[in-house]
Amino acid sequence: MRETKESFALITGASKGLGKAITEELASRKINVITVALEGEGLPEFCDEIKRKYGVKAHYFETNLAENDAVYQLAEWATTNFNINILINNAGIGGSAAFDQVSPAYIEAILRVNIRALSLLTRLILPELKNHKEAFILNVASMASFSPIAFKTVYPASKAFVYSFSMGLKEELKDTNVSVSVLHPGPIKTNPEVTKRIEKQGIFGKLGLISVEDLADIAISKLFRGRPLIVPGKINKFNRQLMRFFPRWIQLSLVSRIVRREVMENNLNKQTKPIQSVVNA
C-alpha cells in the first residue's frame, strides 16, 4: 500500500556534490524526493533539512549500489511505497591512477555502480515511470564520455556507456510519456579540496569549472524541457565542438597529460588510494 498519491523524484548519490544539489533544486521546485546513498553519509539529517527548508516530503534509502542485490532491494522498496515520475541516476565513482596499480575490486566497483546499477535501476523503475502522464530520466555522464583518458581508463569508458545507453533509450521511448536526458558535466566545485586540485591544473583544469548549484539548476531546467543532451556552460560546449575536429590521438595526449601529472603528484605524496576524478566529474 503506497503511503501517498503524490509523485516523487528518486535521486541516487544524493548525499553530497551534484546529487545533493540536484535534490535541493528539485525540492525548491516543490517536488518530493527520495534520496539514495551509502549508509553513514547523513541522509536522515539531510531529509529533515529538506522537509524544513522546502516544505516537501523527503525519504531516504541507505545502500551500496555496488552490491549484488542492492538495486533490486531499492527498486522494490521505492515502487512499492511511492509514485515515482522522475529518476535521477547520479551515483558514480571514478579516480585517477595507473591501471596496473589499482585493485580488481576497484575496477569492479566502477563497473557495478556506473554501468550495472544505472542500467538495472532504470529498467526496474521504468514500468512505474510509464504509469504517469509525464515522466523523466536524467543519467549523469561526464565530458569524459567523449574521449578516452589514460590513468582513468575504466571511468571514461563507463561514462561513454552512459551516453550511448541514454541516447538509445531516448530513441526507444520517444513515442512514450518518458523523456530521457543525459548530463555531461565538466569540472565541478564539489568541495574546497577538489576545487583546489582543479585550479592547480592550470587553465585546462579550470576550463568549464562550475558550481554544483548552477549545474543542478541547468540540469533540471533542461531535463524538464526535454533536452536529450545536456552539456552545461559555454566553455564545455566549445570543448565538445573542438573535440570533433581534433584527431583522437591529440585529444588523448592532451587530456592524459593533465591526469598523468596529477597521478605523479599523488605518488610523490605517497597516497595509496586512487584520487578522485577532477578533470571530468
Protein backbone atom coordinates (compact mmCIF):
# COMPACT_ATOMS: atom_id res chain seq x y z
CA MET A 1 0.00 0.00 0.00
CA ARG A 2 1.52 3.29 -1.09
CA GLU A 3 1.52 5.89 1.64
CA THR A 4 0.67 8.77 -0.67
CA LYS A 5 -0.68 9.52 -4.13
CA GLU A 6 1.84 12.31 -4.56
CA SER A 7 4.72 11.91 -7.02
CA PHE A 8 8.40 11.69 -6.11
CA ALA A 9 11.81 12.09 -7.71
CA LEU A 10 14.35 9.37 -6.88
CA ILE A 11 17.97 10.56 -6.78
CA THR A 12 20.98 8.25 -6.37
CA GLY A 13 24.23 9.57 -4.92
CA ALA A 14 22.18 12.24 -3.15
CA SER A 15 24.28 12.79 -0.03
CA LYS A 16 26.88 15.15 -1.47
CA GLY A 17 28.14 17.02 -4.52
CA LEU A 18 25.94 17.18 -7.58
CA GLY A 19 23.40 14.67 -6.25
CA LYS A 20 22.80 16.77 -3.15
CA ALA A 21 22.48 19.94 -5.23
CA ILE A 22 20.03 18.27 -7.62
CA THR A 23 17.95 17.09 -4.65
CA GLU A 24 17.77 20.64 -3.32
CA GLU A 25 16.97 22.01 -6.76
CA LEU A 26 14.05 19.60 -7.13
CA ALA A 27 12.81 20.33 -3.60
CA SER A 28 12.99 24.07 -4.26
CA ARG A 29 10.58 23.42 -7.15
CA LYS A 30 8.21 21.74 -4.67
CA ILE A 31 9.00 18.21 -5.86
CA ASN A 32 9.04 15.43 -3.27
CA VAL A 33 12.30 13.49 -3.13
CA ILE A 34 13.64 10.02 -2.36
CA THR A 35 17.36 10.17 -1.62
CA VAL A 36 19.74 7.24 -2.03
CA ALA A 37 23.33 7.00 -0.81
CA LEU A 38 25.70 4.94 1.32
CA GLU A 39 24.92 4.44 4.98
CA GLY A 40 26.52 6.97 7.29
CA GLU A 41 26.56 9.86 4.81
CA GLY A 42 23.93 11.95 6.59
CA LEU A 43 20.80 11.15 4.60
CA PRO A 44 18.40 11.22 7.61
CA GLU A 45 19.62 14.68 8.60
CA PHE A 46 19.60 15.89 5.01
CA CYS A 47 15.99 14.75 4.52
CA ASP A 48 14.95 16.53 7.72
CA GLU A 49 16.61 19.68 6.42
CA ILE A 50 14.86 19.35 3.05
CA LYS A 51 11.46 19.00 4.73
CA ARG A 52 12.00 22.04 6.96
CA LYS A 53 13.52 24.23 4.26
CA TYR A 54 11.26 23.48 1.31
CA GLY A 55 8.08 22.03 2.79
CA VAL A 56 8.15 18.87 0.67
CA LYS A 57 8.26 15.19 1.56
CA ALA A 58 11.72 13.62 1.72
CA HIS A 59 12.61 9.96 2.28
CA TYR A 60 15.91 8.11 2.23
CA PHE A 61 17.28 4.65 1.41
CA GLU A 62 20.79 3.81 2.53
CA THR A 63 22.56 1.19 0.43
CA ASN A 64 25.71 0.35 -1.50
CA LEU A 65 24.74 0.14 -5.18
CA ALA A 66 27.88 -1.89 -5.91
CA GLU A 67 26.42 -4.86 -4.02
CA ASN A 68 24.57 -7.57 -5.94
CA ASP A 69 21.07 -7.22 -4.51
CA ALA A 70 21.11 -3.51 -3.64
CA VAL A 71 19.47 -2.24 -6.83
CA TYR A 72 16.70 -4.83 -6.64
CA GLN A 73 16.00 -4.03 -2.99
CA LEU A 74 15.95 -0.30 -3.69
CA ALA A 75 13.62 -0.64 -6.68
CA GLU A 76 11.20 -2.93 -4.84
CA TRP A 77 11.01 -0.61 -1.82
CA ALA A 78 10.64 2.52 -3.96
CA THR A 79 7.99 1.23 -6.37
CA THR A 80 6.01 -0.45 -3.58
CA ASN A 81 5.76 2.68 -1.46
CA PHE A 82 5.91 5.64 -3.82
CA ASN A 83 4.70 7.07 -7.12
CA ILE A 84 7.91 7.89 -8.98
CA ASN A 85 7.83 10.13 -12.04
CA ILE A 86 11.46 11.32 -12.03
CA LEU A 87 14.58 9.14 -11.90
CA ILE A 88 17.99 10.77 -11.46
CA ASN A 89 20.84 8.28 -11.96
CA ASN A 90 23.60 10.38 -10.43
CA ALA A 91 25.61 7.84 -8.38
CA GLY A 92 29.02 7.21 -9.90
CA ILE A 93 32.61 6.58 -8.88
CA GLY A 94 35.98 7.08 -10.52
CA GLY A 95 39.55 8.03 -9.87
CA SER A 96 43.00 8.69 -11.27
CA ALA A 97 45.70 6.02 -11.11
CA ALA A 98 47.76 3.74 -13.33
CA PHE A 99 45.60 0.82 -14.45
CA ASP A 100 48.05 -1.81 -13.19
CA GLN A 101 48.22 -0.12 -9.78
CA VAL A 102 44.52 -0.33 -8.91
CA SER A 103 42.89 -3.42 -7.47
CA PRO A 104 40.46 -5.60 -9.43
CA ALA A 105 37.89 -4.73 -6.74
CA TYR A 106 38.28 -1.03 -7.58
CA ILE A 107 37.64 -1.70 -11.27
CA GLU A 108 34.66 -3.89 -10.48
CA ALA A 109 33.17 -1.19 -8.24
CA ILE A 110 33.26 1.35 -11.08
CA LEU A 111 31.57 -1.08 -13.45
CA ARG A 112 28.95 -2.08 -10.89
CA VAL A 113 27.95 1.46 -9.93
CA ASN A 114 28.46 3.40 -13.16
CA ILE A 115 27.04 0.77 -15.53
CA ARG A 116 25.25 -2.09 -13.80
CA ALA A 117 23.35 -0.11 -11.15
CA LEU A 118 22.34 2.64 -13.55
CA SER A 119 21.06 0.21 -16.20
CA LEU A 120 19.23 -2.11 -13.81
CA LEU A 121 17.63 0.67 -11.77
CA THR A 122 16.37 2.30 -14.96
CA ARG A 123 14.88 -1.00 -16.12
CA LEU A 124 13.25 -1.69 -12.75
CA ILE A 125 11.79 1.81 -12.33
CA LEU A 126 10.70 2.28 -15.96
CA PRO A 127 7.31 0.49 -15.63
CA GLU A 128 6.47 2.85 -12.76
CA LEU A 129 7.53 5.88 -14.80
CA LYS A 130 5.24 4.81 -17.62
CA ASN A 131 2.26 4.98 -15.25
CA HIS A 132 2.50 8.76 -15.16
CA LYS A 133 1.24 11.33 -17.63
CA GLU A 134 4.74 12.76 -17.85
CA ALA A 135 7.99 11.26 -16.55
CA PHE A 136 11.71 11.97 -16.77
CA ILE A 137 15.03 10.11 -16.58
CA LEU A 138 18.29 12.01 -16.11
CA ASN A 139 21.51 9.99 -16.39
CA VAL A 140 24.70 11.72 -15.28
CA ALA A 141 27.62 11.01 -17.61
CA SER A 142 30.66 13.29 -18.00
CA MET A 143 32.67 15.26 -20.52
CA ALA A 144 34.94 12.22 -20.20
CA SER A 145 32.29 10.33 -22.17
CA PHE A 146 33.64 11.88 -25.34
CA SER A 147 37.28 10.77 -25.13
CA PRO A 148 39.46 8.01 -23.65
CA ILE A 149 41.79 9.19 -20.88
CA ALA A 150 44.98 7.48 -19.74
CA PHE A 151 45.27 6.89 -15.98
CA LYS A 152 41.47 6.83 -15.80
CA THR A 153 40.80 4.13 -18.43
CA VAL A 154 37.69 2.45 -16.97
CA TYR A 155 35.97 5.65 -15.78
CA PRO A 156 35.60 7.42 -19.17
CA ALA A 157 34.68 4.10 -20.77
CA SER A 158 31.90 3.66 -18.21
CA LYS A 159 30.64 7.18 -18.87
CA ALA A 160 30.72 6.56 -22.62
CA PHE A 161 28.36 3.67 -21.88
CA VAL A 162 26.03 6.05 -20.00
CA TYR A 163 25.99 8.39 -23.00
CA SER A 164 25.29 5.62 -25.52
CA PHE A 165 22.73 3.91 -23.29
CA SER A 166 20.86 7.17 -22.72
CA MET A 167 20.72 8.10 -26.39
CA GLY A 168 19.49 4.65 -27.34
CA LEU A 169 16.84 4.66 -24.63
CA LYS A 170 15.77 8.17 -25.61
CA GLU A 171 15.07 6.97 -29.16
CA GLU A 172 13.31 3.84 -27.92
CA LEU A 173 10.98 5.85 -25.67
CA LYS A 174 10.40 8.81 -27.99
CA ASP A 175 6.73 7.93 -28.52
CA THR A 176 6.03 7.39 -24.82
CA ASN A 177 5.46 9.68 -21.85
CA VAL A 178 9.04 9.14 -20.60
CA SER A 179 11.69 11.70 -21.55
CA VAL A 180 15.37 10.72 -21.28
CA SER A 181 18.27 13.16 -20.89
CA VAL A 182 21.99 12.68 -20.29
CA LEU A 183 24.12 15.26 -18.48
CA HIS A 184 27.81 15.77 -19.28
CA PRO A 185 29.44 17.85 -16.53
CA GLY A 186 32.99 19.05 -16.80
CA PRO A 187 34.94 20.11 -13.68
CA ILE A 188 32.69 20.68 -10.68
CA LYS A 189 33.33 22.65 -7.48
CA THR A 190 32.13 19.84 -5.24
CA ASN A 191 34.20 20.91 -2.21
CA PRO A 192 37.22 23.17 -1.41
CA GLU A 193 39.74 20.30 -1.72
CA VAL A 194 38.53 19.26 -5.18
CA THR A 195 38.31 22.89 -6.34
CA LYS A 196 41.90 23.50 -5.20
CA ARG A 197 43.15 20.44 -7.12
CA ILE A 198 41.33 21.57 -10.25
CA GLU A 199 42.82 25.06 -10.02
CA LYS A 200 46.32 23.59 -9.61
CA GLN A 201 45.92 22.03 -13.05
CA GLY A 202 46.08 25.49 -14.59
CA ILE A 203 43.98 26.85 -17.44
CA PHE A 204 42.98 23.43 -18.78
CA GLY A 205 41.82 22.25 -15.39
CA LYS A 206 39.73 25.35 -14.77
CA LEU A 207 38.06 25.49 -18.17
CA GLY A 208 34.35 24.92 -17.75
CA LEU A 209 34.54 24.90 -13.94
CA ILE A 210 31.06 25.35 -12.47
CA SER A 211 29.42 25.20 -9.05
CA VAL A 212 27.16 22.27 -8.23
CA GLU A 213 24.29 24.66 -7.56
CA ASP A 214 24.50 26.24 -11.01
CA LEU A 215 24.94 22.84 -12.60
CA ALA A 216 21.89 21.43 -10.82
CA ASP A 217 19.76 24.36 -11.99
CA ILE A 218 20.90 23.90 -15.60
CA ALA A 219 20.39 20.14 -15.48
CA ILE A 220 16.86 20.18 -14.07
CA SER A 221 15.72 23.08 -16.24
CA LYS A 222 16.85 21.34 -19.41
CA LEU A 223 15.57 17.97 -18.22
CA PHE A 224 12.07 19.39 -17.94
CA ARG A 225 12.43 20.95 -21.39
CA GLY A 226 13.15 17.52 -22.83
CA ARG A 227 16.72 18.23 -23.94
CA PRO A 228 18.35 14.87 -24.71
CA LEU A 229 21.98 16.02 -24.45
CA ILE A 230 22.90 18.48 -21.70
CA VAL A 231 26.39 19.99 -21.84
CA PRO A 232 26.45 22.82 -19.29
CA GLY A 233 28.32 26.07 -19.87
CA LYS A 234 29.72 27.78 -22.94
CA ILE A 235 33.26 26.51 -22.35
CA ASN A 236 32.15 22.88 -22.13
CA LYS A 237 30.02 23.31 -25.27
CA PHE A 238 33.03 24.82 -27.05
CA ASN A 239 35.28 21.98 -25.87
CA ARG A 240 32.73 19.45 -27.11
CA GLN A 241 32.72 21.01 -30.57
CA LEU A 242 36.52 21.34 -30.57
CA MET A 243 36.92 17.64 -29.82
CA ARG A 244 35.12 16.82 -33.06
CA PHE A 245 37.86 18.46 -35.11
CA PHE A 246 40.96 17.20 -33.31
CA PRO A 247 42.24 13.70 -34.14
CA ARG A 248 41.63 11.24 -31.31
CA TRP A 249 45.37 10.81 -30.62
CA ILE A 250 45.75 14.56 -29.98
CA GLN A 251 42.73 14.62 -27.63
CA LEU A 252 44.05 11.61 -25.77
CA SER A 253 47.54 13.06 -25.39
CA LEU A 254 46.41 16.48 -24.18
CA VAL A 255 43.88 15.30 -21.60
CA SER A 256 46.00 12.38 -20.40
CA ARG A 257 48.96 14.69 -19.79
CA ILE A 258 46.95 16.57 -17.17
CA VAL A 259 45.89 13.40 -15.41
CA ARG A 260 49.39 11.91 -15.56
CA ARG A 261 50.75 14.96 -13.73
CA GLU A 262 48.03 14.59 -11.11
CA VAL A 263 48.87 10.91 -10.57
CA MET A 264 52.60 11.64 -10.33
CA GLU A 265 51.95 14.26 -7.66
CA ASN A 266 49.75 11.79 -5.85
CA ASN A 267 52.55 9.21 -5.88
CA LEU A 268 55.06 11.76 -4.61
CA ASN A 269 52.76 12.48 -1.70
CA LYS A 270 52.72 8.71 -1.06
CA GLN A 271 48.96 8.42 -1.20
CA THR A 272 47.85 4.86 -1.79
CA LYS A 273 44.26 5.29 -2.97
CA PRO A 274 43.26 6.38 -6.48
CA ILE A 275 42.43 10.07 -6.25
CA GLN A 276 39.01 11.41 -7.07
CA SER A 277 38.37 12.35 -10.67
CA VAL A 278 38.71 16.12 -11.05
CA VAL A 279 39.39 16.71 -14.74
CA ASN A 280 35.97 15.42 -15.71
CA ALA A 281 33.48 14.82 -12.95
